[in-house]
Protein backbone atom coordinates (compact mmCIF):
# COMPACT_ATOMS: atom_id res chain seq x y z
CA MET A 1 -105.60 -55.98 128.83
CA ILE A 2 -106.72 -53.94 131.84
CA LEU A 3 -104.86 -50.66 132.20
CA THR A 4 -103.75 -50.84 135.81
CA THR A 5 -102.04 -47.45 135.64
CA LEU A 6 -105.40 -45.68 135.75
CA PRO A 7 -106.65 -44.16 138.99
CA THR A 8 -108.64 -46.52 141.18
CA VAL A 9 -111.85 -44.52 140.86
CA LEU A 10 -111.99 -45.01 137.11
CA LEU A 11 -111.13 -48.68 137.28
CA ALA A 12 -113.87 -49.15 139.82
CA LEU A 13 -116.43 -47.42 137.65
CA VAL A 14 -115.59 -48.47 134.15
CA PRO A 15 -112.99 -51.10 133.19
CA LEU A 16 -110.81 -49.85 130.36
CA VAL A 17 -109.77 -52.29 127.68
CA SER A 18 -106.98 -51.76 125.19
CA ALA A 19 -108.32 -51.88 121.66
CA THR A 20 -106.69 -54.13 119.11
CA ALA A 21 -105.79 -52.46 115.83
CA VAL A 22 -106.57 -54.21 112.56
CA ARG A 23 -105.52 -53.33 109.06
CA ARG A 24 -107.38 -50.93 106.80
CA SER A 25 -106.82 -50.47 103.10
CA ILE A 26 -106.93 -47.00 101.58
CA PRO A 27 -109.91 -46.82 99.23
CA LYS A 28 -109.34 -46.29 95.56
CA PRO A 29 -111.30 -43.44 94.00
CA GLY A 30 -114.77 -44.66 93.23
CA GLN A 31 -114.53 -47.66 95.52
CA VAL A 32 -117.68 -48.34 97.54
CA GLY A 33 -117.51 -50.02 100.89
CA GLN A 34 -116.13 -49.95 104.37
CA GLU A 35 -112.46 -49.43 105.06
CA ARG A 36 -110.34 -51.55 107.34
CA PRO A 37 -107.95 -49.77 109.70
CA LEU A 38 -104.38 -49.60 108.47
CA ILE A 39 -101.74 -49.28 111.15
CA THR A 40 -98.21 -48.46 110.10
CA PRO A 41 -96.20 -48.89 113.31
CA SER A 42 -93.60 -46.20 113.74
CA PRO A 43 -91.28 -47.38 116.50
CA ALA A 44 -88.59 -44.97 117.62
CA SER A 45 -85.32 -45.76 115.88
CA TRP A 46 -82.12 -44.80 117.64
CA ASP A 47 -78.68 -44.96 116.00
CA PRO A 48 -76.27 -43.90 118.75
CA THR A 49 -72.64 -43.23 117.92
CA LYS A 50 -70.32 -41.29 120.19
CA THR A 51 -71.34 -39.59 123.39
CA PHE A 52 -71.28 -35.80 123.33
CA LYS A 53 -67.97 -34.83 124.89
CA LYS A 54 -69.12 -32.40 127.51
CA ARG A 55 -68.35 -33.02 131.15
CA GLY A 56 -71.38 -34.09 133.14
CA VAL A 57 -73.79 -33.91 130.21
CA VAL A 58 -75.35 -37.31 130.95
CA SER A 59 -76.10 -36.58 134.58
CA ASP A 60 -77.09 -33.02 133.76
CA LEU A 61 -79.63 -34.15 131.17
CA ALA A 62 -81.02 -36.83 133.46
CA GLY A 63 -81.46 -34.25 136.19
CA ASP A 64 -83.13 -31.84 133.78
CA VAL A 65 -85.57 -34.50 132.67
CA ASN A 66 -86.55 -35.30 136.23
CA SER A 67 -87.01 -31.62 136.97
CA ILE A 68 -89.17 -31.19 133.87
CA LEU A 69 -91.47 -34.02 134.86
CA SER A 70 -91.60 -33.05 138.51
CA GLY A 71 -92.21 -29.47 137.45
CA LEU A 72 -95.43 -30.56 135.79
CA GLY A 73 -96.83 -30.92 139.29
CA SER A 74 -96.62 -33.46 142.08
CA ASP A 75 -100.25 -34.38 141.55
CA ILE A 76 -99.74 -35.31 137.86
CA PRO A 77 -100.73 -38.99 137.50
CA SER A 78 -97.93 -41.40 136.62
CA TYR A 79 -99.50 -42.17 133.24
CA VAL A 80 -99.15 -38.50 132.28
CA ALA A 81 -95.66 -38.06 133.70
CA SER A 82 -94.52 -41.10 131.75
CA GLY A 83 -95.44 -39.35 128.54
CA VAL A 84 -98.25 -41.78 127.67
CA PRO A 85 -101.64 -40.65 129.03
CA ASN A 86 -103.33 -44.06 128.85
CA PHE A 87 -106.86 -42.79 129.22
CA PHE A 88 -106.64 -41.64 125.60
CA GLN A 89 -105.52 -45.10 124.50
CA GLY A 90 -108.13 -47.13 126.33
CA PHE A 91 -111.54 -45.53 126.25
CA PRO A 92 -114.17 -48.01 127.47
CA THR A 93 -116.00 -50.27 125.07
CA GLY A 94 -119.77 -50.39 124.97
CA ALA A 95 -119.81 -53.75 126.76
CA ASP A 96 -117.72 -52.36 129.63
CA VAL A 97 -119.94 -49.32 130.01
CA GLN A 98 -123.08 -51.44 129.93
CA SER A 99 -121.73 -53.83 132.54
CA SER A 100 -120.49 -51.06 134.84
CA LEU A 101 -123.84 -49.28 134.72
CA GLY A 102 -125.75 -52.52 135.34
CA LEU A 103 -127.81 -52.21 132.16
CA ASN A 104 -129.42 -55.29 130.64
CA ASP A 105 -129.93 -55.76 126.91
CA SER A 106 -133.58 -54.70 127.08
CA GLN A 107 -132.65 -51.41 128.71
CA VAL A 108 -129.97 -50.75 126.11
CA LYS A 109 -132.39 -51.58 123.31
CA ALA A 110 -134.80 -48.94 124.61
CA LEU A 111 -132.20 -46.19 124.31
CA PRO A 112 -132.32 -44.12 121.10
CA THR A 113 -129.64 -44.81 118.50
CA GLN A 114 -127.46 -41.82 117.68
CA VAL A 115 -124.93 -41.13 114.94
CA LEU A 116 -121.77 -39.07 114.96
CA ASN A 117 -121.67 -37.78 111.38
CA ILE A 118 -118.26 -36.29 110.52
CA PRO A 119 -117.98 -33.73 107.66
CA GLY A 120 -116.70 -35.65 104.64
CA TYR A 121 -115.27 -34.94 101.22
CA ALA A 122 -115.98 -36.22 97.71
CA ASN A 123 -113.63 -36.85 94.80
CA TRP A 124 -114.46 -36.95 91.10
CA THR A 125 -113.89 -40.11 89.07
CA ASP A 126 -114.96 -41.43 85.68
CA LEU A 127 -118.15 -42.61 87.39
CA GLY A 128 -118.96 -39.22 88.93
CA TRP A 129 -118.83 -37.89 92.46
CA ASN A 130 -117.86 -40.32 95.23
CA LEU A 131 -118.65 -39.03 98.70
CA ARG A 132 -116.92 -40.24 101.84
CA PHE A 133 -119.25 -40.94 104.75
CA HIS A 134 -117.63 -41.61 108.12
CA GLY A 135 -118.60 -41.54 111.77
CA ASN A 136 -119.88 -43.71 114.58
CA VAL A 137 -123.17 -45.29 115.69
CA PHE A 138 -123.76 -45.31 119.43
CA LYS A 139 -126.24 -45.07 122.28
CA GLN A 140 -125.96 -42.64 125.16
CA PRO A 141 -126.65 -44.31 128.52
CA ASN A 142 -128.27 -42.43 131.36
CA ILE A 143 -125.50 -41.74 133.86
CA THR A 144 -126.19 -40.04 137.16
CA GLU A 145 -124.60 -36.64 137.72
CA GLN A 146 -122.62 -37.97 140.67
CA LYS A 147 -121.09 -40.76 138.61
CA LEU A 148 -120.36 -38.31 135.77
CA ASP A 149 -118.58 -36.09 138.28
CA ASP A 150 -116.52 -39.03 139.51
CA LEU A 151 -115.56 -39.94 135.94
CA ALA A 152 -114.83 -36.35 134.92
CA ASN A 153 -112.60 -35.81 137.95
CA VAL A 154 -110.21 -38.42 136.58
CA PHE A 155 -109.42 -36.05 133.71
CA LEU A 156 -109.12 -32.91 135.83
CA VAL A 157 -105.66 -32.76 137.39
CA GLY A 158 -105.36 -30.45 140.38
CA THR A 159 -109.04 -29.57 140.47
CA SER A 160 -112.47 -31.19 140.39
CA VAL A 161 -115.88 -30.72 138.83
CA GLU A 162 -117.16 -29.42 142.15
CA ALA A 163 -114.54 -26.64 142.16
CA LEU A 164 -115.28 -25.45 138.61
CA PRO A 165 -117.62 -22.61 137.65
CA PRO A 166 -121.06 -23.97 136.66
CA SER A 167 -120.49 -23.57 132.91
CA GLN A 168 -117.15 -25.39 133.03
CA ALA A 169 -118.58 -28.12 135.25
CA SER A 170 -121.36 -28.64 132.72
CA GLN A 171 -118.87 -28.90 129.86
CA ALA A 172 -116.77 -31.41 131.80
CA ARG A 173 -119.83 -33.59 132.42
CA ASN A 174 -120.99 -33.35 128.80
CA LEU A 175 -117.58 -34.25 127.39
CA THR A 176 -117.23 -37.14 129.83
CA ALA A 177 -120.66 -38.43 128.83
CA GLU A 178 -119.52 -38.37 125.19
CA ILE A 179 -116.66 -40.70 126.11
CA PHE A 180 -118.71 -43.26 128.02
CA ILE A 181 -121.04 -44.43 125.28
CA LEU A 182 -122.40 -47.73 123.99
CA GLN A 183 -121.00 -48.33 120.51
CA GLN A 184 -123.47 -50.04 118.21
CA SER A 185 -122.22 -52.64 115.73
CA ASN A 186 -123.99 -54.03 112.66
CA GLN A 187 -126.13 -50.91 112.18
CA ASN A 188 -127.17 -49.55 108.79
CA VAL A 189 -127.20 -45.78 108.38
CA THR A 190 -129.22 -43.70 105.90
CA PHE A 191 -128.40 -40.12 104.93
CA ASN A 192 -130.38 -37.37 103.21
CA LEU A 193 -128.41 -34.89 101.11
CA GLU A 194 -129.37 -31.37 100.04
CA PRO A 195 -127.56 -28.16 99.01
CA ALA A 196 -125.89 -26.40 101.96
CA PRO A 197 -126.42 -22.62 102.06
CA THR A 198 -123.80 -22.01 104.76
CA ALA A 199 -121.06 -23.63 106.84
CA GLY A 200 -118.20 -22.07 108.77
CA ALA A 201 -117.31 -18.60 110.00
CA SER A 202 -114.88 -16.90 107.64
CA GLY A 203 -116.80 -13.65 107.54
CA GLU A 204 -117.88 -14.38 103.98
CA GLN A 205 -121.39 -15.10 102.83
CA GLY A 206 -121.93 -18.81 103.39
CA GLY A 207 -119.04 -19.12 105.83
CA GLY A 208 -116.31 -19.60 103.24
CA GLY A 209 -114.65 -22.66 101.82
CA ALA A 210 -117.28 -23.57 99.20
CA VAL A 211 -120.36 -22.60 97.17
CA THR A 212 -123.94 -23.83 97.28
CA PRO A 213 -124.80 -26.08 94.30
CA ASN A 214 -128.09 -26.00 92.39
CA GLY A 215 -128.95 -29.61 93.19
CA GLY A 216 -127.75 -32.72 94.97
CA ASN A 217 -130.96 -33.65 96.80
CA GLN A 218 -131.03 -37.41 97.35
CA GLN A 219 -131.09 -40.22 99.88
CA ILE A 220 -128.10 -42.50 100.43
CA LYS A 221 -128.21 -45.83 102.25
CA PHE A 222 -124.69 -46.58 103.38
CA PRO A 223 -124.02 -50.07 102.01
CA ILE A 224 -121.96 -51.54 104.87
CA PRO A 225 -123.11 -51.91 108.51
CA SER A 226 -121.12 -50.33 111.33
CA ASP A 227 -118.18 -52.36 112.61
CA ALA A 228 -117.56 -53.79 116.07
CA GLU A 229 -116.72 -50.32 117.45
CA GLY A 230 -119.74 -48.71 115.78
CA ASP A 231 -117.57 -47.05 113.12
CA PHE A 232 -118.50 -46.65 109.46
CA ASP A 233 -116.22 -45.22 106.79
CA GLY A 234 -116.32 -45.47 103.01
CA PHE A 235 -116.90 -43.77 99.67
CA VAL A 236 -120.29 -44.02 97.95
CA GLN A 237 -121.15 -42.88 94.43
CA ILE A 238 -123.87 -40.20 94.59
CA ASN A 239 -126.33 -38.87 92.03
CA ASP A 240 -124.78 -35.97 90.13
CA ALA A 241 -128.06 -34.27 89.18
CA GLY A 242 -127.74 -30.53 89.77
CA LEU A 243 -124.03 -30.82 90.69
CA ASP A 244 -121.15 -29.50 88.61
CA ALA A 245 -118.73 -32.16 87.38
CA GLY A 246 -115.46 -32.25 89.27
CA ASN A 247 -113.38 -32.10 86.09
CA SER A 248 -115.19 -29.09 84.65
CA THR A 249 -115.36 -26.76 87.66
CA SER A 250 -112.81 -25.30 90.04
CA GLU A 251 -115.42 -24.47 92.68
CA ILE A 252 -115.87 -26.55 95.82
CA GLN A 253 -119.54 -27.46 96.34
CA ARG A 254 -121.06 -28.20 99.75
CA LEU A 255 -123.97 -30.44 100.70
CA ASN A 256 -125.75 -30.85 103.98
CA VAL A 257 -125.78 -34.48 105.12
CA TYR A 258 -128.61 -35.37 107.49
CA THR A 259 -128.72 -38.68 109.30
CA GLU A 260 -132.17 -40.21 109.11
CA GLY A 261 -133.64 -40.78 112.56
CA ASP A 262 -131.16 -38.61 114.48
CA VAL A 263 -131.62 -34.84 114.60
CA ASN A 264 -128.08 -34.45 116.00
CA GLY A 265 -126.40 -36.53 113.27
CA ASN A 266 -125.91 -33.72 110.79
CA ALA A 267 -122.80 -32.60 108.92
CA THR A 268 -121.64 -30.77 105.80
CA ALA A 269 -119.84 -32.53 102.96
CA TYR A 270 -117.49 -30.94 100.45
CA LEU A 271 -117.20 -31.90 96.78
CA ILE A 272 -113.57 -31.28 95.85
CA PRO A 273 -112.50 -30.79 92.21
CA SER A 274 -109.63 -32.86 90.86
CA THR A 275 -107.13 -29.98 90.79
CA GLY A 276 -106.50 -26.98 93.01
CA LEU A 277 -104.95 -25.95 96.32
CA GLY A 278 -106.00 -26.86 99.84
CA ILE A 279 -104.80 -26.85 103.43
CA ILE A 280 -104.63 -29.75 105.85
CA SER A 281 -104.72 -28.17 109.28
CA ASP A 282 -104.11 -29.49 112.75
CA ILE A 283 -106.27 -27.92 115.46
CA ASP A 284 -104.71 -28.11 118.93
CA ASP A 285 -102.20 -25.35 119.68
CA ILE A 286 -102.40 -24.04 116.14
CA LEU A 287 -106.09 -23.06 115.87
CA ARG A 288 -107.06 -23.29 119.54
CA VAL A 289 -105.25 -22.86 122.85
CA THR A 290 -104.76 -26.33 124.28
CA GLN A 291 -101.25 -26.43 125.80
CA ILE A 292 -100.90 -30.15 125.31
CA TYR A 293 -97.31 -29.87 126.54
CA GLU A 294 -98.60 -28.94 130.02
CA PRO A 295 -100.80 -31.95 130.89
CA SER A 296 -102.81 -30.36 133.70
CA LEU A 297 -103.63 -27.31 131.57
CA GLY A 298 -104.20 -29.46 128.49
CA LEU A 299 -106.79 -31.49 130.38
CA LEU A 300 -108.48 -28.41 131.79
CA ASN A 301 -108.53 -26.63 128.42
CA THR A 302 -110.04 -29.70 126.77
CA PHE A 303 -112.51 -30.93 129.37
CA ALA A 304 -113.71 -27.79 131.11
CA LYS A 305 -112.69 -24.42 129.71
CA PRO A 306 -114.36 -23.00 126.58
CA PHE A 307 -112.37 -23.64 123.42
CA THR A 308 -110.45 -20.45 122.62
CA PRO A 309 -108.80 -19.50 119.29
CA TRP A 310 -105.03 -19.07 119.34
CA MET A 311 -104.38 -15.35 119.00
CA ASN A 312 -105.63 -13.95 115.66
CA MET A 313 -105.41 -17.22 113.73
CA PRO A 314 -109.09 -16.94 112.65
CA ASP A 315 -108.16 -13.74 110.78
CA ILE A 316 -105.37 -15.56 108.91
CA TYR A 317 -107.72 -18.34 107.80
CA ALA A 318 -110.48 -15.90 106.90
CA ASN A 319 -108.02 -13.97 104.72
CA TRP A 320 -106.94 -17.17 102.97
CA SER A 321 -110.59 -18.04 102.38
CA ARG A 322 -111.25 -14.63 100.82
CA THR A 323 -108.08 -14.27 98.75
CA LEU A 324 -107.26 -17.83 97.62
CA PRO A 325 -109.84 -18.95 95.04
CA ASN A 326 -111.45 -22.31 95.78
CA PHE A 327 -109.14 -23.06 98.70
CA TRP A 328 -110.13 -26.34 100.37
CA PHE A 329 -109.98 -26.41 104.19
CA HIS A 330 -109.51 -29.89 105.66
CA TYR A 331 -109.17 -30.14 109.44
CA LEU A 332 -107.22 -33.17 110.64
CA THR A 333 -107.01 -33.84 114.35
CA THR A 334 -105.92 -36.98 116.16
CA THR A 335 -108.38 -36.31 118.95
CA PRO A 336 -110.45 -39.41 119.82
CA GLU A 337 -113.61 -39.74 117.80
CA GLN A 338 -115.92 -39.46 120.80
CA VAL A 339 -115.03 -35.82 121.49
CA THR A 340 -115.01 -34.66 117.86
CA ARG A 341 -118.32 -32.78 118.13
CA ASN A 342 -116.71 -30.19 120.39
CA TYR A 343 -113.95 -29.64 117.83
CA MET A 344 -116.35 -29.36 114.91
CA ASP A 345 -118.49 -26.86 116.78
CA PHE A 346 -115.41 -24.76 117.61
CA ILE A 347 -114.11 -24.79 114.03
CA TYR A 348 -117.43 -23.89 112.42
CA LYS A 349 -117.88 -20.96 114.83
CA ASN A 350 -114.40 -19.53 114.25
CA TYR A 351 -112.92 -20.77 110.96
CA PRO A 352 -113.95 -21.37 107.33
CA GLY A 353 -116.09 -24.41 106.68
CA GLY A 354 -114.29 -27.60 105.74
CA SER A 355 -114.11 -31.36 105.96
CA PHE A 356 -112.83 -33.29 108.98
CA ASP A 357 -110.73 -36.24 110.02
CA ASP A 358 -110.20 -37.57 113.52
CA ARG A 359 -109.01 -40.72 115.26
CA PRO A 360 -111.63 -43.49 114.92
CA LEU A 361 -112.30 -45.90 117.76
CA ASN A 362 -110.36 -48.74 116.16
CA PHE A 363 -107.22 -46.61 116.43
CA SER A 364 -106.87 -46.61 120.18
CA ASP A 365 -103.57 -48.09 121.33
CA VAL A 366 -100.28 -46.19 121.49
CA SER A 367 -98.83 -47.41 118.18
CA ALA A 368 -102.08 -46.58 116.41
CA THR A 369 -102.15 -43.10 117.94
CA LEU A 370 -98.67 -42.42 116.59
CA SER A 371 -99.62 -43.72 113.11
CA ILE A 372 -103.11 -42.32 112.54
CA ARG A 373 -102.00 -38.91 111.24
CA LYS A 374 -99.89 -40.44 108.46
CA PHE A 375 -102.73 -42.83 107.60
CA LEU A 376 -105.17 -39.93 107.22
CA LEU A 377 -102.68 -37.80 105.28
CA ASP A 378 -102.05 -40.68 102.89
CA LYS A 379 -105.79 -41.08 102.38
CA VAL A 380 -106.23 -37.45 101.32
CA PHE A 381 -103.13 -37.30 99.11
CA GLN A 382 -103.97 -40.56 97.35
CA THR A 383 -107.60 -39.57 96.84
CA PHE A 384 -106.53 -36.28 95.22
CA PRO A 385 -103.27 -37.01 93.37
CA GLN A 386 -103.51 -33.85 91.23
CA ARG A 387 -104.10 -31.41 94.07
CA LYS A 388 -101.49 -29.50 96.09
CA PHE A 389 -101.62 -28.99 99.84
CA VAL A 390 -100.42 -26.62 102.54
CA LEU A 391 -99.67 -28.48 105.78
CA ILE A 392 -99.89 -26.60 109.08
CA ALA A 393 -99.44 -27.65 112.72
CA ASP A 394 -97.08 -27.01 115.64
CA THR A 395 -93.80 -28.43 116.92
CA SER A 396 -95.29 -30.13 119.99
CA ASN A 397 -96.52 -33.03 117.81
CA SER A 398 -93.77 -35.60 117.22
CA ASP A 399 -95.86 -37.30 114.54
CA VAL A 400 -96.21 -33.99 112.68
CA MET A 401 -92.46 -33.44 112.80
CA ARG A 402 -91.99 -36.86 111.24
CA ASP A 403 -94.97 -37.09 108.88
CA TYR A 404 -95.10 -33.62 107.31
CA PRO A 405 -91.61 -33.72 105.74
CA ALA A 406 -92.23 -37.35 104.75
CA MET A 407 -95.16 -36.23 102.59
CA VAL A 408 -92.74 -34.18 100.47
CA THR A 409 -90.81 -37.34 99.62
CA ASP A 410 -93.78 -39.69 99.41
CA TYR A 411 -95.85 -37.43 97.15
CA PRO A 412 -93.52 -35.35 94.95
CA GLY A 413 -95.08 -32.11 93.78
CA GLN A 414 -98.15 -32.28 96.04
CA VAL A 415 -96.86 -30.37 99.08
CA GLN A 416 -97.01 -26.61 98.46
CA CYS A 417 -95.88 -25.33 101.86
CA ILE A 418 -95.33 -26.54 105.42
CA PHE A 419 -96.01 -24.12 108.29
CA LEU A 420 -95.13 -25.07 111.88
CA ARG A 421 -95.76 -22.94 114.93
CA ASN A 422 -92.74 -23.13 117.23
CA THR A 423 -94.56 -23.46 120.53
CA SER A 424 -91.36 -23.47 122.58
CA ASN A 425 -90.62 -19.94 121.35
CA THR A 426 -93.89 -18.51 122.60
CA ASP A 427 -94.88 -20.65 125.57
CA PRO A 428 -92.38 -21.20 128.40
CA GLY A 429 -94.51 -24.13 129.53
CA ASP A 430 -93.42 -26.15 126.46
CA ARG A 431 -90.28 -27.89 127.69
CA PHE A 432 -90.44 -30.88 125.37
CA PRO A 433 -87.85 -31.09 122.58
CA TYR A 434 -88.81 -31.34 118.91
CA ASP A 435 -87.02 -33.16 116.12
CA THR A 436 -86.25 -31.24 112.91
CA SER A 437 -84.15 -33.98 111.29
CA GLY A 438 -86.96 -34.82 108.85
CA PHE A 439 -86.48 -31.45 107.14
CA LYS A 440 -82.81 -31.97 106.29
CA ASN A 441 -83.53 -32.97 102.69
CA VAL A 442 -86.52 -30.66 102.18
CA SER A 443 -85.95 -27.43 100.30
CA THR A 444 -85.79 -24.50 102.71
CA SER A 445 -88.13 -22.61 100.39
CA MET A 446 -90.95 -25.08 101.19
CA TYR A 447 -91.27 -24.71 104.96
CA MET A 448 -91.31 -22.13 107.72
CA PHE A 449 -91.25 -22.38 111.50
CA PHE A 450 -93.17 -19.37 112.73
CA VAL A 451 -93.92 -17.75 116.07
CA VAL A 452 -97.17 -15.77 115.81
CA PRO A 453 -100.02 -15.78 113.26
CA ASP A 454 -98.95 -12.46 111.75
CA ASP A 455 -95.80 -14.19 110.49
CA LEU A 456 -98.07 -15.81 107.87
CA THR A 457 -99.49 -12.58 106.46
CA ASN A 458 -98.65 -11.38 102.96
CA LEU A 459 -97.29 -14.76 101.84
CA ASP A 460 -98.20 -15.63 98.25
CA ILE A 461 -98.73 -19.32 99.00
CA ALA A 462 -100.72 -19.86 95.79
CA ASN A 463 -97.47 -19.24 93.89
CA GLY A 464 -95.28 -21.15 96.33
CA GLN A 465 -94.04 -18.36 98.62
CA CYS A 466 -93.79 -20.24 101.91
CA VAL A 467 -91.13 -18.25 103.77
CA ASN A 468 -91.29 -14.90 105.54
CA SER A 469 -87.67 -13.78 105.27
CA THR A 470 -87.92 -11.74 108.49
CA ILE A 471 -88.47 -14.87 110.58
CA LYS A 472 -85.24 -16.65 111.52
CA GLN A 473 -85.36 -20.42 111.15
CA ASN A 474 -82.26 -21.77 112.97
CA LEU A 475 -82.87 -25.44 112.22
CA THR A 476 -80.20 -27.90 113.38
CA PHE A 477 -81.82 -30.98 111.78
CA GLY A 478 -81.87 -32.87 115.05
CA TYR A 479 -83.55 -32.57 118.44
CA GLN A 480 -83.99 -28.94 119.45
CA GLY A 481 -85.25 -27.30 122.59
CA LEU A 482 -83.18 -29.51 124.91
CA PRO A 483 -82.12 -28.30 128.39
CA ASP A 484 -79.30 -25.74 128.66
CA GLY A 485 -79.88 -24.58 125.09
CA ILE A 486 -78.46 -27.79 123.62
CA ASN A 487 -79.59 -28.58 120.10
CA LEU A 488 -78.73 -31.73 118.18
CA GLY A 489 -78.01 -32.24 114.51
CA SER A 490 -75.60 -31.34 111.75
CA GLY A 491 -76.63 -27.69 111.83
CA SER A 492 -76.15 -27.28 115.57
CA LYS A 493 -73.69 -24.78 116.93
CA LYS A 494 -73.97 -26.17 120.44
CA GLY A 495 -74.09 -29.92 120.54
CA SER A 496 -73.80 -32.73 118.06
CA ALA A 497 -75.93 -35.36 116.44
CA SER A 498 -73.97 -37.90 118.45
CA LEU A 499 -75.60 -36.59 121.61
CA LEU A 500 -78.62 -38.61 120.58
CA ALA A 501 -76.97 -41.53 122.35
CA VAL A 502 -76.85 -39.69 125.63
CA SER A 503 -80.46 -39.49 126.59
CA THR A 504 -82.58 -41.61 124.28
CA THR A 505 -84.80 -42.60 127.18
CA TRP A 506 -85.84 -39.10 128.20
CA VAL A 507 -86.09 -37.82 124.65
CA PHE A 508 -88.35 -40.79 123.86
CA VAL A 509 -90.53 -40.01 126.90
CA ALA A 510 -90.77 -36.36 125.94
CA ALA A 511 -91.48 -37.06 122.30
CA MET A 512 -94.07 -39.68 123.15
CA GLY A 513 -95.75 -37.26 125.51
CA ALA A 514 -95.94 -34.57 122.88
CA ALA A 515 -97.16 -36.97 120.22
CA VAL A 516 -99.84 -38.76 122.20
CA TRP A 517 -101.12 -35.51 123.61
CA ALA A 518 -101.69 -34.15 120.08
CA LEU A 519 -105.42 -34.31 120.37
């Protein structure tokens, strides 16, 4: 289906096609092979009862919604104002890019094959270590600078490549080029493994997050070819020679993973023992300044400006790396796969080394975008059923607000703490509401909504201390951050859960916008 809501310039250059999601089963430990995408649709469910009895509340809310959207800027494209930025749901396929650039098959064949190799993790089974390899096989077409500028300008609201400083213009072109690639199906990938002396930037020797093993050198031929979108993803049993067994060590071991034939296809893999504590961390607006709730700034901060850490969050993570023995760092972002390299580079320069998850190409429509985080969380929790996890993100992600508390119920005893940055408390530009109803049946000792990184200092999370008693929580277990200070839910002092019936449309738009923009 052609996305007709896109600006004319992009449609003229590269037709965008909505991807069709197919099912993927979660691999069992030790299973070898390629995974199929699993989509668990999460449609919004509304159960309206009575209307909130406040004179003019319906018209007032409608007016506030219109002012919020118009306040984002008159030049905000309709697909952003609607809360569903479609360019992140319909990146071009290789065939579309090839056709738009006028490349024949012989010209494509002459281009070098490249591999996006995403840092993976390994679990220990009765058969030994099983390492997850995942990424994408693609070719990078030669695109003229003028056409790259035209494509990049689609993502730059209120400015253009020509108006940016040279360094930012270069980043915008590079990131745009990463999006418009030729995915390569039916390709076999070979990896070379060796001990990794360093990865990450925690201030510790080796970068934190793991130790260097005595062995592990070997070559692995991934057994399944890349799929139609160029993706590959699966666990492969590796040779344990020189590696400590996962059931006899508490230390996390790291291996460098080099893609044969591509000097840029390198990553670091982490061998995770069966028991222990780890963190699953979002990236945007918790580790880096993105401002996804302000679309024009979110685009600029992603496509042009250098990635910048959020306040002193690197110090918090470095302290956890130093003081929490064998703490596993897993970075989970729903950013599209094509732009993952920028995120990995940012993390490894500012935070402890760790494994990665992102949104693969076969998760590209709206329902898939809203389901991918839960799919990836399930994968980690089911692969490590004896480990405990700290979950951290921010309130601007509607999928986080739904999925994080759900993990407490779905996996009893595996969630240690949940930390959520309340972006609306620190950034006046965040005018989207957030839903705290998922936390109603979660023990208040397990989660904390915080304001600044220092709120996380001195918490003994290894022993389950998740709450800084000096930070007020004020949860209403409903939608919070609505106009005029209205909060919904059973704990609300101003408003009622029944108000949910009043403005389901605008709350849905706002929540969708926050969720889909959680890159």
